[in-house]
PDB file of N, CA and C in Angstrom:
ATOM      1  N   MET A   1       6.221  10.167 -11.134  1.00  0.00           N
ATOM      2  CA  MET A   1       5.531   9.164 -10.334  1.00  0.00           C
ATOM      3  C   MET A   1       5.232   9.721  -8.951  1.00  0.00           C
ATOM      4  N   PRO A   2       4.106   9.382  -8.428  1.00  0.00           N
ATOM      5  CA  PRO A   2       3.766   9.821  -7.073  1.00  0.00           C
ATOM      6  C   PRO A   2       4.556   9.050  -6.022  1.00  0.00           C
ATOM      7  N   SER A   3       4.506   9.549  -4.818  1.00  0.00           N
ATOM      8  CA  SER A   3       5.120   8.876  -3.680  1.00  0.00           C
ATOM      9  C   SER A   3       4.178   7.765  -3.216  1.00  0.00           C
ATOM     10  N   ILE A   4       4.710   6.558  -3.064  1.00  0.00           N
ATOM     11  CA  ILE A   4       3.902   5.418  -2.633  1.00  0.00           C
ATOM     12  C   ILE A   4       4.533   4.837  -1.379  1.00  0.00           C
ATOM     13  N   VAL A   5       3.702   4.642  -0.352  1.00  0.00           N
ATOM     14  CA  VAL A   5       4.147   4.034   0.895  1.00  0.00           C
ATOM     15  C   VAL A   5       3.247   2.844   1.164  1.00  0.00           C
ATOM     16  N   ILE A   6       3.870   1.715   1.514  1.00  0.00           N
ATOM     17  CA  ILE A   6       3.111   0.510   1.837  1.00  0.00           C
ATOM     18  C   ILE A   6       3.651  -0.081   3.136  1.00  0.00           C
ATOM     19  N   TYR A   7       2.768  -0.197   4.114  1.00  0.00           N
ATOM     20  CA  TYR A   7       3.102  -0.843   5.389  1.00  0.00           C
ATOM     21  C   TYR A   7       2.841  -2.337   5.222  1.00  0.00           C
ATOM     22  N   THR A   8       3.820  -3.158   5.622  1.00  0.00           N
ATOM     23  CA  THR A   8       3.729  -4.594   5.396  1.00  0.00           C
ATOM     24  C   THR A   8       4.219  -5.385   6.603  1.00  0.00           C
ATOM     25  N   THR A   9       3.994  -6.699   6.525  1.00  0.00           N
ATOM     26  CA  THR A   9       4.684  -7.653   7.384  1.00  0.00           C
ATOM     27  C   THR A   9       5.307  -8.709   6.471  1.00  0.00           C
ATOM     28  N   ARG A  10       6.285  -9.383   6.991  1.00  0.00           N
ATOM     29  CA  ARG A  10       7.106 -10.292   6.190  1.00  0.00           C
ATOM     30  C   ARG A  10       6.330 -11.452   5.578  1.00  0.00           C
ATOM     31  N   PHE A  11       5.418 -12.060   6.318  1.00  0.00           N
ATOM     32  CA  PHE A  11       4.768 -13.281   5.846  1.00  0.00           C
ATOM     33  C   PHE A  11       3.324 -13.074   5.402  1.00  0.00           C
ATOM     34  N   CYS A  12       2.969 -11.871   5.062  1.00  0.00           N
ATOM     35  CA  CYS A  12       1.599 -11.540   4.665  1.00  0.00           C
ATOM     36  C   CYS A  12       1.424 -11.747   3.156  1.00  0.00           C
ATOM     37  N   PRO A  13       0.577 -12.718   2.746  1.00  0.00           N
ATOM     38  CA  PRO A  13       0.389 -12.942   1.308  1.00  0.00           C
ATOM     39  C   PRO A  13      -0.259 -11.759   0.594  1.00  0.00           C
ATOM     40  N   TYR A  14      -1.078 -10.993   1.317  1.00  0.00           N
ATOM     41  CA  TYR A  14      -1.707  -9.830   0.711  1.00  0.00           C
ATOM     42  C   TYR A  14      -0.679  -8.723   0.458  1.00  0.00           C
ATOM     43  N   CYS A  15       0.295  -8.625   1.347  1.00  0.00           N
ATOM     44  CA  CYS A  15       1.382  -7.660   1.158  1.00  0.00           C
ATOM     45  C   CYS A  15       2.194  -8.024  -0.083  1.00  0.00           C
ATOM     46  N   VAL A  16       2.493  -9.308  -0.218  1.00  0.00           N
ATOM     47  CA  VAL A  16       3.246  -9.782  -1.382  1.00  0.00           C
ATOM     48  C   VAL A  16       2.478  -9.491  -2.666  1.00  0.00           C
ATOM     49  N   ALA A  17       1.174  -9.761  -2.668  1.00  0.00           N
ATOM     50  CA  ALA A  17       0.351  -9.528  -3.855  1.00  0.00           C
ATOM     51  C   ALA A  17       0.284  -8.041  -4.204  1.00  0.00           C
ATOM     52  N   ALA A  18       0.138  -7.193  -3.198  1.00  0.00           N
ATOM     53  CA  ALA A  18       0.068  -5.750  -3.445  1.00  0.00           C
ATOM     54  C   ALA A  18       1.395  -5.243  -4.012  1.00  0.00           C
ATOM     55  N   LYS A  19       2.500  -5.676  -3.427  1.00  0.00           N
ATOM     56  CA  LYS A  19       3.811  -5.257  -3.926  1.00  0.00           C
ATOM     57  C   LYS A  19       4.032  -5.762  -5.350  1.00  0.00           C
ATOM     58  N   ARG A  20       3.602  -6.973  -5.617  1.00  0.00           N
ATOM     59  CA  ARG A  20       3.755  -7.554  -6.957  1.00  0.00           C
ATOM     60  C   ARG A  20       3.002  -6.718  -7.994  1.00  0.00           C
ATOM     61  N   LEU A  21       1.784  -6.296  -7.664  1.00  0.00           N
ATOM     62  CA  LEU A  21       1.013  -5.469  -8.600  1.00  0.00           C
ATOM     63  C   LEU A  21       1.711  -4.135  -8.835  1.00  0.00           C
ATOM     64  N   LEU A  22       2.166  -3.504  -7.771  1.00  0.00           N
ATOM     65  CA  LEU A  22       2.855  -2.224  -7.931  1.00  0.00           C
ATOM     66  C   LEU A  22       4.130  -2.390  -8.764  1.00  0.00           C
ATOM     67  N   GLN A  23       4.858  -3.464  -8.533  1.00  0.00           N
ATOM     68  CA  GLN A  23       6.069  -3.720  -9.318  1.00  0.00           C
ATOM     69  C   GLN A  23       5.731  -3.970 -10.777  1.00  0.00           C
ATOM     70  N   LYS A  24       4.652  -4.695 -11.028  1.00  0.00           N
ATOM     71  CA  LYS A  24       4.207  -4.957 -12.401  1.00  0.00           C
ATOM     72  C   LYS A  24       3.891  -3.645 -13.127  1.00  0.00           C
ATOM     73  N   LYS A  25       3.380  -2.685 -12.374  1.00  0.00           N
ATOM     74  CA  LYS A  25       3.049  -1.373 -12.945  1.00  0.00           C
ATOM     75  C   LYS A  25       4.287  -0.488 -13.081  1.00  0.00           C
ATOM     76  N   GLY A  26       5.424  -0.968 -12.594  1.00  0.00           N
ATOM     77  CA  GLY A  26       6.650  -0.180 -12.665  1.00  0.00           C
ATOM     78  C   GLY A  26       6.731   0.912 -11.618  1.00  0.00           C
ATOM     79  N   ALA A  27       5.928   0.796 -10.582  1.00  0.00           N
ATOM     80  CA  ALA A  27       5.869   1.813  -9.530  1.00  0.00           C
ATOM     81  C   ALA A  27       6.930   1.548  -8.469  1.00  0.00           C
ATOM     82  N   GLU A  28       7.635   2.581  -8.104  1.00  0.00           N
ATOM     83  CA  GLU A  28       8.566   2.484  -6.986  1.00  0.00           C
ATOM     84  C   GLU A  28       7.814   2.853  -5.717  1.00  0.00           C
ATOM     85  N   PHE A  29       8.148   2.171  -4.625  1.00  0.00           N
ATOM     86  CA  PHE A  29       7.440   2.432  -3.375  1.00  0.00           C
ATOM     87  C   PHE A  29       8.386   2.280  -2.207  1.00  0.00           C
ATOM     88  N   GLU A  30       7.996   2.937  -1.117  1.00  0.00           N
ATOM     89  CA  GLU A  30       8.703   2.779   0.147  1.00  0.00           C
ATOM     90  C   GLU A  30       7.938   1.739   0.953  1.00  0.00           C
ATOM     91  N   GLU A  31       8.638   0.695   1.367  1.00  0.00           N
ATOM     92  CA  GLU A  31       8.022  -0.345   2.183  1.00  0.00           C
ATOM     93  C   GLU A  31       8.425  -0.139   3.633  1.00  0.00           C
ATOM     94  N   ILE A  32       7.432  -0.105   4.504  1.00  0.00           N
ATOM     95  CA  ILE A  32       7.683   0.018   5.934  1.00  0.00           C
ATOM     96  C   ILE A  32       7.193  -1.264   6.597  1.00  0.00           C
ATOM     97  N   ALA A  33       8.137  -2.092   7.021  1.00  0.00           N
ATOM     98  CA  ALA A  33       7.798  -3.365   7.664  1.00  0.00           C
ATOM     99  C   ALA A  33       7.482  -3.123   9.136  1.00  0.00           C
ATOM    100  N   VAL A  34       6.337  -3.612   9.566  1.00  0.00           N
ATOM    101  CA  VAL A  34       5.914  -3.408  10.950  1.00  0.00           C
ATOM    102  C   VAL A  34       6.104  -4.660  11.801  1.00  0.00           C
ATOM    103  N   ASP A  35       6.781  -5.680  11.242  1.00  0.00           N
ATOM    104  CA  ASP A  35       7.097  -6.884  12.018  1.00  0.00           C
ATOM    105  C   ASP A  35       7.867  -6.484  13.269  1.00  0.00           C
ATOM    106  N   SER A  36       7.440  -6.943  14.399  1.00  0.00           N
ATOM    107  CA  SER A  36       8.144  -6.692  15.669  1.00  0.00           C
ATOM    108  C   SER A  36       8.422  -5.220  15.905  1.00  0.00           C
ATOM    109  N   ARG A  37       7.602  -4.354  15.338  1.00  0.00           N
ATOM    110  CA  ARG A  37       7.761  -2.904  15.522  1.00  0.00           C
ATOM    111  C   ARG A  37       6.417  -2.300  15.935  1.00  0.00           C
ATOM    112  N   PRO A  38       6.040  -2.481  17.196  1.00  0.00           N
ATOM    113  CA  PRO A  38       4.746  -1.951  17.639  1.00  0.00           C
ATOM    114  C   PRO A  38       4.636  -0.438  17.459  1.00  0.00           C
ATOM    115  N   ASP A  39       5.763   0.267  17.499  1.00  0.00           N
ATOM    116  CA  ASP A  39       5.722   1.713  17.291  1.00  0.00           C
ATOM    117  C   ASP A  39       5.292   2.062  15.869  1.00  0.00           C
ATOM    118  N   LEU A  40       5.823   1.326  14.883  1.00  0.00           N
ATOM    119  CA  LEU A  40       5.449   1.581  13.492  1.00  0.00           C
ATOM    120  C   LEU A  40       4.023   1.114  13.206  1.00  0.00           C
ATOM    121  N   ARG A  41       3.628  -0.016  13.802  1.00  0.00           N
ATOM    122  CA  ARG A  41       2.247  -0.480  13.614  1.00  0.00           C
ATOM    123  C   ARG A  41       1.270   0.514  14.220  1.00  0.00           C
ATOM    124  N   ALA A  42       1.609   1.067  15.374  1.00  0.00           N
ATOM    125  CA  ALA A  42       0.740   2.072  16.003  1.00  0.00           C
ATOM    126  C   ALA A  42       0.630   3.314  15.128  1.00  0.00           C
ATOM    127  N   LYS A  43       1.735   3.732  14.541  1.00  0.00           N
ATOM    128  CA  LYS A  43       1.720   4.890  13.631  1.00  0.00           C
ATOM    129  C   LYS A  43       0.830   4.601  12.420  1.00  0.00           C
ATOM    130  N   MET A  44       0.965   3.400  11.848  1.00  0.00           N
ATOM    131  CA  MET A  44       0.140   2.997  10.708  1.00  0.00           C
ATOM    132  C   MET A  44      -1.337   2.991  11.089  1.00  0.00           C
ATOM    133  N   THR A  45      -1.642   2.424  12.261  1.00  0.00           N
ATOM    134  CA  THR A  45      -3.030   2.326  12.714  1.00  0.00           C
ATOM    135  C   THR A  45      -3.628   3.704  12.937  1.00  0.00           C
ATOM    136  N   LYS A  46      -2.863   4.590  13.548  1.00  0.00           N
ATOM    137  CA  LYS A  46      -3.354   5.946  13.788  1.00  0.00           C
ATOM    138  C   LYS A  46      -3.602   6.677  12.468  1.00  0.00           C
ATOM    139  N   LYS A  47      -2.700   6.496  11.533  1.00  0.00           N
ATOM    140  CA  LYS A  47      -2.794   7.180  10.240  1.00  0.00           C
ATOM    141  C   LYS A  47      -3.935   6.623   9.384  1.00  0.00           C
ATOM    142  N   SER A  48      -4.150   5.287   9.433  1.00  0.00           N
ATOM    143  CA  SER A  48      -5.119   4.658   8.536  1.00  0.00           C
ATOM    144  C   SER A  48      -6.456   4.330   9.191  1.00  0.00           C
ATOM    145  N   GLY A  49      -6.437   4.143  10.509  1.00  0.00           N
ATOM    146  CA  GLY A  49      -7.636   3.680  11.193  1.00  0.00           C
ATOM    147  C   GLY A  49      -7.821   2.179  11.070  1.00  0.00           C
ATOM    148  N   ALA A  50      -6.817   1.492  10.521  1.00  0.00           N
ATOM    149  CA  ALA A  50      -6.890   0.041  10.324  1.00  0.00           C
ATOM    150  C   ALA A  50      -5.669  -0.622  10.961  1.00  0.00           C
ATOM    151  N   THR A  51      -5.858  -1.857  11.411  1.00  0.00           N
ATOM    152  CA  THR A  51      -4.748  -2.594  12.017  1.00  0.00           C
ATOM    153  C   THR A  51      -4.171  -3.639  11.082  1.00  0.00           C
ATOM    154  N   SER A  52      -4.851  -3.911   9.974  1.00  0.00           N
ATOM    155  CA  SER A  52      -4.401  -4.958   9.049  1.00  0.00           C
ATOM    156  C   SER A  52      -3.383  -4.407   8.054  1.00  0.00           C
ATOM    157  N   VAL A  53      -2.578  -5.320   7.533  1.00  0.00           N
ATOM    158  CA  VAL A  53      -1.622  -4.966   6.492  1.00  0.00           C
ATOM    159  C   VAL A  53      -1.994  -5.718   5.221  1.00  0.00           C
ATOM    160  N   PRO A  54      -1.641  -5.177   4.075  1.00  0.00           N
ATOM    161  CA  PRO A  54      -0.923  -3.925   3.879  1.00  0.00           C
ATOM    162  C   PRO A  54      -1.845  -2.722   4.032  1.00  0.00           C
ATOM    163  N   GLN A  55      -1.235  -1.599   4.290  1.00  0.00           N
ATOM    164  CA  GLN A  55      -1.908  -0.302   4.216  1.00  0.00           C
ATOM    165  C   GLN A  55      -1.089   0.515   3.229  1.00  0.00           C
ATOM    166  N   ILE A  56      -1.773   1.070   2.238  1.00  0.00           N
ATOM    167  CA  ILE A  56      -1.102   1.690   1.098  1.00  0.00           C
ATOM    168  C   ILE A  56      -1.567   3.127   0.921  1.00  0.00           C
ATOM    169  N   TRP A  57      -0.586   3.997   0.681  1.00  0.00           N
ATOM    170  CA  TRP A  57      -0.854   5.392   0.337  1.00  0.00           C
ATOM    171  C   TRP A  57      -0.191   5.720  -0.991  1.00  0.00           C
ATOM    172  N   ILE A  58      -0.910   6.406  -1.839  1.00  0.00           N
ATOM    173  CA  ILE A  58      -0.339   6.972  -3.063  1.00  0.00           C
ATOM    174  C   ILE A  58      -0.471   8.477  -2.897  1.00  0.00           C
ATOM    175  N   ASP A  59       0.680   9.135  -2.746  1.00  0.00           N
ATOM    176  CA  ASP A  59       0.728  10.526  -2.310  1.00  0.00           C
ATOM    177  C   ASP A  59      -0.080  10.620  -1.014  1.00  0.00           C
ATOM    178  N   GLU A  60      -1.050  11.486  -0.950  1.00  0.00           N
ATOM    179  CA  GLU A  60      -1.847  11.641   0.279  1.00  0.00           C
ATOM    180  C   GLU A  60      -3.105  10.766   0.278  1.00  0.00           C
ATOM    181  N   TYR A  61      -3.353  10.055  -0.817  1.00  0.00           N
ATOM    182  CA  TYR A  61      -4.551   9.225  -0.947  1.00  0.00           C
ATOM    183  C   TYR A  61      -4.342   7.877  -0.261  1.00  0.00           C
ATOM    184  N   HIS A  62      -5.168   7.581   0.726  1.00  0.00           N
ATOM    185  CA  HIS A  62      -5.104   6.279   1.412  1.00  0.00           C
ATOM    186  C   HIS A  62      -5.908   5.273   0.604  1.00  0.00           C
ATOM    187  N   VAL A  63      -5.207   4.376  -0.049  1.00  0.00           N
ATOM    188  CA  VAL A  63      -5.843   3.340  -0.858  1.00  0.00           C
ATOM    189  C   VAL A  63      -6.557   2.341   0.029  1.00  0.00           C
ATOM    190  N   GLY A  64      -5.917   1.951   1.110  1.00  0.00           N
ATOM    191  CA  GLY A  64      -6.415   0.891   1.975  1.00  0.00           C
ATOM    192  C   GLY A  64      -5.505  -0.308   1.827  1.00  0.00           C
ATOM    193  N   GLY A  65      -6.103  -1.489   1.651  1.00  0.00           N
ATOM    194  CA  GLY A  65      -5.326  -2.712   1.574  1.00  0.00           C
ATOM    195  C   GLY A  65      -5.220  -3.275   0.168  1.00  0.00           C
ATOM    196  N   CYS A  66      -4.871  -4.537   0.110  1.00  0.00           N
ATOM    197  CA  CYS A  66      -4.650  -5.225  -1.156  1.00  0.00           C
ATOM    198  C   CYS A  66      -5.925  -5.275  -2.002  1.00  0.00           C
ATOM    199  N   ASP A  67      -7.041  -5.609  -1.393  1.00  0.00           N
ATOM    200  CA  ASP A  67      -8.296  -5.701  -2.150  1.00  0.00           C
ATOM    201  C   ASP A  67      -8.654  -4.362  -2.787  1.00  0.00           C
ATOM    202  N   GLU A  68      -8.461  -3.289  -2.039  1.00  0.00           N
ATOM    203  CA  GLU A  68      -8.771  -1.963  -2.574  1.00  0.00           C
ATOM    204  C   GLU A  68      -7.818  -1.588  -3.717  1.00  0.00           C
ATOM    205  N   LEU A  69      -6.540  -1.982  -3.574  1.00  0.00           N
ATOM    206  CA  LEU A  69      -5.565  -1.710  -4.632  1.00  0.00           C
ATOM    207  C   LEU A  69      -5.959  -2.432  -5.914  1.00  0.00           C
ATOM    208  N   TYR A  70      -6.304  -3.711  -5.810  1.00  0.00           N
ATOM    209  CA  TYR A  70      -6.716  -4.472  -6.984  1.00  0.00           C
ATOM    210  C   TYR A  70      -8.043  -3.950  -7.536  1.00  0.00           C
ATOM    211  N   GLY A  71      -8.925  -3.473  -6.651  1.00  0.00           N
ATOM    212  CA  GLY A  71     -10.177  -2.876  -7.101  1.00  0.00           C
ATOM    213  C   GLY A  71      -9.936  -1.632  -7.940  1.00  0.00           C
ATOM    214  N   LEU A  72      -9.016  -0.785  -7.492  1.00  0.00           N
ATOM    215  CA  LEU A  72      -8.668   0.406  -8.283  1.00  0.00           C
ATOM    216  C   LEU A  72      -8.107  -0.006  -9.641  1.00  0.00           C
ATOM    217  N   ASP A  73      -7.301  -1.067  -9.651  1.00  0.00           N
ATOM    218  CA  ASP A  73      -6.718  -1.524 -10.909  1.00  0.00           C
ATOM    219  C   ASP A  73      -7.803  -2.022 -11.853  1.00  0.00           C
ATOM    220  N   SER A  74      -8.752  -2.796 -11.344  1.00  0.00           N
ATOM    221  CA  SER A  74      -9.800  -3.340 -12.216  1.00  0.00           C
ATOM    222  C   SER A  74     -10.727  -2.248 -12.750  1.00  0.00           C
ATOM    223  N   GLN A  75     -10.803  -1.122 -12.038  1.00  0.00           N
ATOM    224  CA  GLN A  75     -11.614   0.017 -12.494  1.00  0.00           C
ATOM    225  C   GLN A  75     -10.831   0.966 -13.395  1.00  0.00           C
ATOM    226  N   GLY A  76      -9.550   0.681 -13.591  1.00  0.00           N
ATOM    227  CA  GLY A  76      -8.718   1.548 -14.416  1.00  0.00           C
ATOM    228  C   GLY A  76      -8.243   2.801 -13.696  1.00  0.00           C
ATOM    229  N   LYS A  77      -8.485   2.882 -12.396  1.00  0.00           N
ATOM    230  CA  LYS A  77      -8.134   4.091 -11.644  1.00  0.00           C
ATOM    231  C   LYS A  77      -6.718   4.052 -11.089  1.00  0.00           C
ATOM    232  N   LEU A  78      -6.142   2.859 -10.937  1.00  0.00           N
ATOM    233  CA  LEU A  78      -4.797   2.764 -10.383  1.00  0.00           C
ATOM    234  C   LEU A  78      -3.778   3.421 -11.311  1.00  0.00           C
ATOM    235  N   ASP A  79      -3.885   3.163 -12.597  1.00  0.00           N
ATOM    236  CA  ASP A  79      -2.948   3.771 -13.545  1.00  0.00           C
ATOM    237  C   ASP A  79      -3.017   5.296 -13.480  1.00  0.00           C
ATOM    238  N   GLN A  80      -4.225   5.839 -13.321  1.00  0.00           N
ATOM    239  CA  GLN A  80      -4.376   7.302 -13.200  1.00  0.00           C
ATOM    240  C   GLN A  80      -3.665   7.814 -11.969  1.00  0.00           C
ATOM    241  N   LEU A  81      -3.829   7.114 -10.840  1.00  0.00           N
ATOM    242  CA  LEU A  81      -3.153   7.531  -9.612  1.00  0.00           C
ATOM    243  C   LEU A  81      -1.636   7.451  -9.757  1.00  0.00           C
ATOM    244  N   LEU A  82      -1.171   6.411 -10.416  1.00  0.00           N
ATOM    245  CA  LEU A  82       0.270   6.223 -10.581  1.00  0.00           C
ATOM    246  C   LEU A  82       0.871   7.231 -11.545  1.00  0.00           C
ATOM    247  N   GLU A  83       0.034   7.779 -12.418  1.00  0.00           N
ATOM    248  CA  GLU A  83       0.500   8.825 -13.336  1.00  0.00           C
ATOM    249  C   GLU A  83       0.413  10.199 -12.695  1.00  0.00           C
ATOM    250  N   GLY A  84      -0.170  10.258 -11.506  1.00  0.00           N
ATOM    251  CA  GLY A  84      -0.291  11.520 -10.794  1.00  0.00           C
ATOM    252  C   GLY A  84      -1.516  12.319 -11.180  1.00  0.00           C
ATOM    253  N   ASN A  85      -2.518  11.652 -11.757  1.00  0.00           N
ATOM    254  CA  ASN A  85      -3.764  12.341 -12.144  1.00  0.00           C
ATOM    255  C   ASN A  85      -4.854  12.134 -11.136  1.00  0.00           C
TER     256      ASN A  85
END
């Protein structure tokens, strides 16, 4: 399995939905909560160019947010990424 990192906040419904999809796929991920952590949010923003959460990476590939994750799934590309292809 590839390395998956997801930046989240506690009360974000999109974060919950993204994590739920990854869990459904059996994917393990590192969650980095940026609640009350401006240093971590700044790091996420610099790395992604976005201020919204979630921000998701699969290995070095920046997926983007929840909509992009579900878009990859509907195209059949998420399973390929999760298999490391």
